[in-house]
C-alpha cells in the first residue's frame, strides 16, 4: 500500500492544527502554518508514521499531503 492511511492523515491533520508559526515567520509572513513539509516534523512524529505504514514513498506522500493542506489553509 503506497497511500497514506486514515490514521496517518489524522495524525498529520492534528500536528498541522497544533503547529505554531515561529516568531521570524510570523514577522515575515504573518500567521502562516510552519508545518508544510516533512522536514518540519520531529523525528518522533515521522517514526510514528513509519510504524503505522512504512512504504518506500512515505516521505513523498507526507510532503504532498502537507503541501496540499498548507495551500488549502491559505485560501
PDB file of N, CA and C in Angstrom:
ATOM      1  N   UNK A   1       0.850  -1.175   0.000  1.00  0.00           N
ATOM      2  CA  UNK A   1       0.000   0.000   0.000  1.00  0.00           C
ATOM      3  C   UNK A   1       0.895   1.238   0.000  1.00  0.00           C
ATOM      4  N   UNK A   2       0.682   2.137  -0.936  1.00  0.00           N
ATOM      5  CA  UNK A   2       1.528   3.309  -1.087  1.00  0.00           C
ATOM      6  C   UNK A   2       0.883   4.575  -0.557  1.00  0.00           C
ATOM      7  N   UNK A   3      -0.404   4.608  -0.436  1.00  0.00           N
ATOM      8  CA  UNK A   3      -1.107   5.813   0.021  1.00  0.00           C
ATOM      9  C   UNK A   3      -0.981   5.961   1.537  1.00  0.00           C
ATOM     10  N   UNK A   4      -1.213   7.178   2.009  1.00  0.00           N
ATOM     11  CA  UNK A   4      -1.269   7.386   3.456  1.00  0.00           C
ATOM     12  C   UNK A   4      -2.545   6.756   3.999  1.00  0.00           C
ATOM     13  N   UNK A   5      -2.460   6.181   5.169  1.00  0.00           N
ATOM     14  CA  UNK A   5      -3.645   5.591   5.788  1.00  0.00           C
ATOM     15  C   UNK A   5      -4.456   6.679   6.477  1.00  0.00           C
ATOM     16  N   UNK A   6      -5.679   6.324   6.844  1.00  0.00           N
ATOM     17  CA  UNK A   6      -6.536   7.256   7.576  1.00  0.00           C
ATOM     18  C   UNK A   6      -5.871   7.697   8.882  1.00  0.00           C
ATOM     19  N   UNK A   7      -5.250   6.745   9.546  1.00  0.00           N
ATOM     20  CA  UNK A   7      -4.597   7.024  10.819  1.00  0.00           C
ATOM     21  C   UNK A   7      -3.442   8.015  10.631  1.00  0.00           C
ATOM     22  N   UNK A   8      -2.664   7.834   9.571  1.00  0.00           N
ATOM     23  CA  UNK A   8      -1.564   8.755   9.287  1.00  0.00           C
ATOM     24  C   UNK A   8      -2.089  10.154   8.962  1.00  0.00           C
ATOM     25  N   UNK A   9      -3.141  10.219   8.148  1.00  0.00           N
ATOM     26  CA  UNK A   9      -3.720  11.516   7.796  1.00  0.00           C
ATOM     27  C   UNK A   9      -4.274  12.216   9.032  1.00  0.00           C
ATOM     28  N   UNK A  10      -4.890  11.447   9.924  1.00  0.00           N
ATOM     29  CA  UNK A  10      -5.445  12.026  11.149  1.00  0.00           C
ATOM     30  C   UNK A  10      -4.330  12.635  12.003  1.00  0.00           C
ATOM     31  N   UNK A  11      -3.207  11.924  12.139  1.00  0.00           N
ATOM     32  CA  UNK A  11      -2.070  12.454  12.889  1.00  0.00           C
ATOM     33  C   UNK A  11      -1.508  13.708  12.227  1.00  0.00           C
ATOM     34  N   UNK A  12      -1.355  13.685  10.911  1.00  0.00           N
ATOM     35  CA  UNK A  12      -0.843  14.856  10.200  1.00  0.00           C
ATOM     36  C   UNK A  12      -1.784  16.054  10.354  1.00  0.00           C
ATOM     37  N   UNK A  13      -3.085  15.801  10.282  1.00  0.00           N
ATOM     38  CA  UNK A  13      -4.062  16.879  10.490  1.00  0.00           C
ATOM     39  C   UNK A  13      -3.936  17.470  11.890  1.00  0.00           C
ATOM     40  N   UNK A  14      -3.773  16.610  12.877  1.00  0.00           N
ATOM     41  CA  UNK A  14      -3.637  17.056  14.264  1.00  0.00           C
ATOM     42  C   UNK A  14      -2.368  17.892  14.432  1.00  0.00           C
ATOM     43  N   UNK A  15      -1.246  17.403  13.917  1.00  0.00           N
ATOM     44  CA  UNK A  15       0.019  18.132  14.043  1.00  0.00           C
ATOM     45  C   UNK A  15      -0.030  19.443  13.276  1.00  0.00           C
ATOM     46  N   UNK A  16      -0.712  19.445  12.140  1.00  0.00           N
ATOM     47  CA  UNK A  16      -0.850  20.668  11.347  1.00  0.00           C
ATOM     48  C   UNK A  16      -1.638  21.714  12.127  1.00  0.00           C
ATOM     49  N   UNK A  17      -2.713  21.278  12.770  1.00  0.00           N
ATOM     50  CA  UNK A  17      -3.549  22.199  13.545  1.00  0.00           C
ATOM     51  C   UNK A  17      -2.810  22.745  14.765  1.00  0.00           C
ATOM     52  N   UNK A  18      -1.932  21.941  15.343  1.00  0.00           N
ATOM     53  CA  UNK A  18      -1.207  22.354  16.546  1.00  0.00           C
ATOM     54  C   UNK A  18       0.040  23.191  16.245  1.00  0.00           C
ATOM     55  N   UNK A  19       0.498  23.182  15.005  1.00  0.00           N
ATOM     56  CA  UNK A  19       1.750  23.875  14.652  1.00  0.00           C
ATOM     57  C   UNK A  19       1.584  25.384  14.778  1.00  0.00           C
ATOM     58  N   UNK A  20       2.551  25.996  15.377  1.00  0.00           N
ATOM     59  CA  UNK A  20       2.563  27.447  15.553  1.00  0.00           C
ATOM     60  C   UNK A  20       3.672  28.042  14.688  1.00  0.00           C
ATOM     61  N   UNK A  21       3.412  29.192  14.075  1.00  0.00           N
ATOM     62  CA  UNK A  21       4.491  29.821  13.306  1.00  0.00           C
ATOM     63  C   UNK A  21       5.580  30.347  14.238  1.00  0.00           C
ATOM     64  N   UNK A  22       6.817  30.278  13.780  1.00  0.00           N
ATOM     65  CA  UNK A  22       7.912  30.824  14.583  1.00  0.00           C
ATOM     66  C   UNK A  22       7.802  32.345  14.592  1.00  0.00           C
ATOM     67  N   UNK A  23       8.498  33.000  15.511  1.00  0.00           N
ATOM     68  CA  UNK A  23       8.465  34.466  15.592  1.00  0.00           C
ATOM     69  C   UNK A  23       8.963  35.087  14.291  1.00  0.00           C
ATOM     70  N   UNK A  24      10.039  34.521  13.726  1.00  0.00           N
ATOM     71  CA  UNK A  24      10.582  35.043  12.469  1.00  0.00           C
ATOM     72  C   UNK A  24       9.574  34.913  11.337  1.00  0.00           C
ATOM     73  N   UNK A  25       8.957  33.741  11.225  1.00  0.00           N
ATOM     74  CA  UNK A  25       7.979  33.505  10.167  1.00  0.00           C
ATOM     75  C   UNK A  25       6.767  34.420  10.331  1.00  0.00           C
ATOM     76  N   UNK A  26       6.356  34.633  11.562  1.00  0.00           N
ATOM     77  CA  UNK A  26       5.202  35.485  11.818  1.00  0.00           C
ATOM     78  C   UNK A  26       5.483  36.927  11.381  1.00  0.00           C
ATOM     79  N   UNK A  27       6.682  37.409  11.644  1.00  0.00           N
ATOM     80  CA  UNK A  27       7.060  38.764  11.247  1.00  0.00           C
ATOM     81  C   UNK A  27       7.110  38.878   9.721  1.00  0.00           C
ATOM     82  N   UNK A  28       7.686  37.869   9.086  1.00  0.00           N
ATOM     83  CA  UNK A  28       7.849  37.918   7.632  1.00  0.00           C
ATOM     84  C   UNK A  28       6.575  37.593   6.855  1.00  0.00           C
ATOM     85  N   UNK A  29       5.841  36.572   7.297  1.00  0.00           N
ATOM     86  CA  UNK A  29       4.722  36.066   6.501  1.00  0.00           C
ATOM     87  C   UNK A  29       3.371  36.141   7.180  1.00  0.00           C
ATOM     88  N   UNK A  30       3.289  36.588   8.404  1.00  0.00           N
ATOM     89  CA  UNK A  30       2.029  36.605   9.125  1.00  0.00           C
ATOM     90  C   UNK A  30       1.752  35.264   9.778  1.00  0.00           C
ATOM     91  N   UNK A  31       0.516  34.991  10.061  1.00  0.00           N
ATOM     92  CA  UNK A  31       0.129  33.770  10.781  1.00  0.00           C
ATOM     93  C   UNK A  31       0.047  32.561   9.850  1.00  0.00           C
ATOM     94  N   UNK A  32       1.130  32.230   9.181  1.00  0.00           N
ATOM     95  CA  UNK A  32       1.142  31.049   8.322  1.00  0.00           C
ATOM     96  C   UNK A  32       1.593  29.838   9.129  1.00  0.00           C
ATOM     97  N   UNK A  33       1.102  28.698   8.763  1.00  0.00           N
ATOM     98  CA  UNK A  33       1.456  27.467   9.457  1.00  0.00           C
ATOM     99  C   UNK A  33       2.833  27.019   9.005  1.00  0.00           C
ATOM    100  N   UNK A  34       3.682  26.719   9.959  1.00  0.00           N
ATOM    101  CA  UNK A  34       5.057  26.348   9.647  1.00  0.00           C
ATOM    102  C   UNK A  34       5.210  24.885   9.229  1.00  0.00           C
ATOM    103  N   UNK A  35       4.208  24.086   9.448  1.00  0.00           N
ATOM    104  CA  UNK A  35       4.300  22.664   9.109  1.00  0.00           C
ATOM    105  C   UNK A  35       3.775  22.461   7.686  1.00  0.00           C
ATOM    106  N   UNK A  36       4.673  22.554   6.708  1.00  0.00           N
ATOM    107  CA  UNK A  36       4.252  22.367   5.325  1.00  0.00           C
ATOM    108  C   UNK A  36       5.094  21.350   4.564  1.00  0.00           C
ATOM    109  N   UNK A  37       6.075  20.753   5.223  1.00  0.00           N
ATOM    110  CA  UNK A  37       6.827  19.667   4.590  1.00  0.00           C
ATOM    111  C   UNK A  37       7.378  18.735   5.668  1.00  0.00           C
ATOM    112  N   UNK A  38       7.818  17.589   5.229  1.00  0.00           N
ATOM    113  CA  UNK A  38       8.244  16.534   6.150  1.00  0.00           C
ATOM    114  C   UNK A  38       9.448  16.953   6.992  1.00  0.00           C
ATOM    115  N   UNK A  39      10.266  17.861   6.506  1.00  0.00           N
ATOM    116  CA  UNK A  39      11.432  18.319   7.269  1.00  0.00           C
ATOM    117  C   UNK A  39      11.046  19.043   8.558  1.00  0.00           C
ATOM    118  N   UNK A  40       9.808  19.504   8.638  1.00  0.00           N
ATOM    119  CA  UNK A  40       9.355  20.221   9.830  1.00  0.00           C
ATOM    120  C   UNK A  40       8.740  19.296  10.882  1.00  0.00           C
ATOM    121  N   UNK A  41       8.633  18.013  10.568  1.00  0.00           N
ATOM    122  CA  UNK A  41       8.177  17.044  11.565  1.00  0.00           C
ATOM    123  C   UNK A  41       9.347  16.679  12.471  1.00  0.00           C
ATOM    124  N   UNK A  42       9.038  16.327  13.695  1.00  0.00           N
ATOM    125  CA  UNK A  42      10.090  15.834  14.582  1.00  0.00           C
ATOM    126  C   UNK A  42      10.412  14.394  14.188  1.00  0.00           C
ATOM    127  N   UNK A  43      11.541  13.915  14.649  1.00  0.00           N
ATOM    128  CA  UNK A  43      11.932  12.535  14.373  1.00  0.00           C
ATOM    129  C   UNK A  43      10.902  11.573  14.947  1.00  0.00           C
ATOM    130  N   UNK A  44      10.411  11.876  16.135  1.00  0.00           N
ATOM    131  CA  UNK A  44       9.412  11.019  16.772  1.00  0.00           C
ATOM    132  C   UNK A  44       8.118  10.974  15.962  1.00  0.00           C
ATOM    133  N   UNK A  45       7.708  12.124  15.428  1.00  0.00           N
ATOM    134  CA  UNK A  45       6.484  12.155  14.631  1.00  0.00           C
ATOM    135  C   UNK A  45       6.630  11.297  13.378  1.00  0.00           C
ATOM    136  N   UNK A  46       7.753  11.442  12.686  1.00  0.00           N
ATOM    137  CA  UNK A  46       7.942  10.650  11.466  1.00  0.00           C
ATOM    138  C   UNK A  46       8.038   9.162  11.786  1.00  0.00           C
ATOM    139  N   UNK A  47       8.656   8.817  12.892  1.00  0.00           N
ATOM    140  CA  UNK A  47       8.732   7.407  13.287  1.00  0.00           C
ATOM    141  C   UNK A  47       7.351   6.839  13.581  1.00  0.00           C
ATOM    142  N   UNK A  48       6.471   7.656  14.143  1.00  0.00           N
ATOM    143  CA  UNK A  48       5.091   7.211  14.380  1.00  0.00           C
ATOM    144  C   UNK A  48       4.410   6.877  13.050  1.00  0.00           C
ATOM    145  N   UNK A  49       4.621   7.730  12.049  1.00  0.00           N
ATOM    146  CA  UNK A  49       4.039   7.480  10.729  1.00  0.00           C
ATOM    147  C   UNK A  49       4.611   6.205  10.114  1.00  0.00           C
ATOM    148  N   UNK A  50       5.902   5.982  10.300  1.00  0.00           N
ATOM    149  CA  UNK A  50       6.539   4.769   9.785  1.00  0.00           C
ATOM    150  C   UNK A  50       5.994   3.519  10.449  1.00  0.00           C
ATOM    151  N   UNK A  51       5.749   3.587  11.750  1.00  0.00           N
ATOM    152  CA  UNK A  51       5.219   2.422  12.472  1.00  0.00           C
ATOM    153  C   UNK A  51       3.843   2.025  11.948  1.00  0.00           C
ATOM    154  N   UNK A  52       3.048   3.014  11.585  1.00  0.00           N
ATOM    155  CA  UNK A  52       1.697   2.736  11.097  1.00  0.00           C
ATOM    156  C   UNK A  52       1.747   2.054   9.736  1.00  0.00           C
ATOM    157  N   UNK A  53       2.515   2.631   8.800  1.00  0.00           N
ATOM    158  CA  UNK A  53       2.600   2.065   7.458  1.00  0.00           C
ATOM    159  C   UNK A  53       3.834   2.628   6.766  1.00  0.00           C
ATOM    160  N   UNK A  54       4.914   1.886   6.807  1.00  0.00           N
ATOM    161  CA  UNK A  54       6.162   2.332   6.203  1.00  0.00           C
ATOM    162  C   UNK A  54       6.230   1.855   4.752  1.00  0.00           C
ATOM    163  N   UNK A  55       6.320   2.804   3.836  1.00  0.00           N
ATOM    164  CA  UNK A  55       6.455   2.473   2.422  1.00  0.00           C
ATOM    165  C   UNK A  55       7.664   3.203   1.855  1.00  0.00           C
ATOM    166  N   UNK A  56       8.059   2.810   0.657  1.00  0.00           N
ATOM    167  CA  UNK A  56       9.209   3.451   0.038  1.00  0.00           C
ATOM    168  C   UNK A  56       8.916   4.887  -0.393  1.00  0.00           C
ATOM    169  N   UNK A  57       7.655   5.263  -0.458  1.00  0.00           N
ATOM    170  CA  UNK A  57       7.293   6.620  -0.878  1.00  0.00           C
ATOM    171  C   UNK A  57       6.620   7.413   0.244  1.00  0.00           C
ATOM    172  N   UNK A  58       6.806   6.981   1.470  1.00  0.00           N
ATOM    173  CA  UNK A  58       6.174   7.667   2.600  1.00  0.00           C
ATOM    174  C   UNK A  58       6.587   9.131   2.657  1.00  0.00           C
ATOM    175  N   UNK A  59       7.868   9.396   2.517  1.00  0.00           N
ATOM    176  CA  UNK A  59       8.390  10.764   2.572  1.00  0.00           C
ATOM    177  C   UNK A  59       7.668  11.659   1.552  1.00  0.00           C
ATOM    178  N   UNK A  60       7.566  11.204   0.311  1.00  0.00           N
ATOM    179  CA  UNK A  60       6.925  11.992  -0.738  1.00  0.00           C
ATOM    180  C   UNK A  60       5.437  12.182  -0.477  1.00  0.00           C
ATOM    181  N   UNK A  61       4.770  11.135  -0.002  1.00  0.00           N
ATOM    182  CA  UNK A  61       3.342  11.239   0.280  1.00  0.00           C
ATOM    183  C   UNK A  61       3.057  12.221   1.408  1.00  0.00           C
ATOM    184  N   UNK A  62       3.893  12.204   2.443  1.00  0.00           N
ATOM    185  CA  UNK A  62       3.720  13.145   3.553  1.00  0.00           C
ATOM    186  C   UNK A  62       3.960  14.566   3.061  1.00  0.00           C
ATOM    187  N   UNK A  63       4.990  14.765   2.261  1.00  0.00           N
ATOM    188  CA  UNK A  63       5.265  16.092   1.707  1.00  0.00           C
ATOM    189  C   UNK A  63       4.083  16.602   0.888  1.00  0.00           C
ATOM    190  N   UNK A  64       3.558  15.753   0.008  1.00  0.00           N
ATOM    191  CA  UNK A  64       2.436  16.156  -0.838  1.00  0.00           C
ATOM    192  C   UNK A  64       1.215  16.501   0.008  1.00  0.00           C
ATOM    193  N   UNK A  65       0.926  15.662   1.006  1.00  0.00           N
ATOM    194  CA  UNK A  65      -0.244  15.889   1.858  1.00  0.00           C
ATOM    195  C   UNK A  65      -0.129  17.204   2.621  1.00  0.00           C
ATOM    196  N   UNK A  66       1.040  17.445   3.207  1.00  0.00           N
ATOM    197  CA  UNK A  66       1.231  18.679   3.982  1.00  0.00           C
ATOM    198  C   UNK A  66       1.221  19.917   3.087  1.00  0.00           C
ATOM    199  N   UNK A  67       1.806  19.814   1.911  1.00  0.00           N
ATOM    200  CA  UNK A  67       1.808  20.952   0.994  1.00  0.00           C
ATOM    201  C   UNK A  67       0.383  21.272   0.543  1.00  0.00           C
ATOM    202  N   UNK A  68      -0.401  20.244   0.206  1.00  0.00           N
ATOM    203  CA  UNK A  68      -1.801  20.457  -0.168  1.00  0.00           C
ATOM    204  C   UNK A  68      -2.577  21.092   0.983  1.00  0.00           C
ATOM    205  N   UNK A  69      -2.346  20.591   2.180  1.00  0.00           N
ATOM    206  CA  UNK A  69      -3.030  21.128   3.366  1.00  0.00           C
ATOM    207  C   UNK A  69      -2.652  22.583   3.589  1.00  0.00           C
ATOM    208  N   UNK A  70      -1.395  22.904   3.391  1.00  0.00           N
ATOM    209  CA  UNK A  70      -0.916  24.260   3.554  1.00  0.00           C
ATOM    210  C   UNK A  70      -1.559  25.202   2.536  1.00  0.00           C
ATOM    211  N   UNK A  71      -1.679  24.737   1.307  1.00  0.00           N
ATOM    212  CA  UNK A  71      -2.304  25.554   0.252  1.00  0.00           C
ATOM    213  C   UNK A  71      -3.790  25.765   0.536  1.00  0.00           C
ATOM    214  N   UNK A  72      -4.463  24.736   1.042  1.00  0.00           N
ATOM    215  CA  UNK A  72      -5.877  24.853   1.397  1.00  0.00           C
ATOM    216  C   UNK A  72      -6.091  25.893   2.483  1.00  0.00           C
ATOM    217  N   UNK A  73      -5.200  25.935   3.448  1.00  0.00           N
ATOM    218  CA  UNK A  73      -5.383  26.838   4.580  1.00  0.00           C
ATOM    219  C   UNK A  73      -5.145  28.301   4.193  1.00  0.00           C
ATOM    220  N   UNK A  74      -4.474  28.528   3.075  1.00  0.00           N
ATOM    221  CA  UNK A  74      -4.197  29.901   2.637  1.00  0.00           C
ATOM    222  C   UNK A  74      -5.353  30.482   1.828  1.00  0.00           C
ATOM    223  N   UNK A  75      -6.287  29.658   1.432  1.00  0.00           N
ATOM    224  CA  UNK A  75      -7.434  30.144   0.628  1.00  0.00           C
ATOM    225  C   UNK A  75      -8.390  30.906   1.472  1.00  0.00           C
TER     226      UNK A  75
END
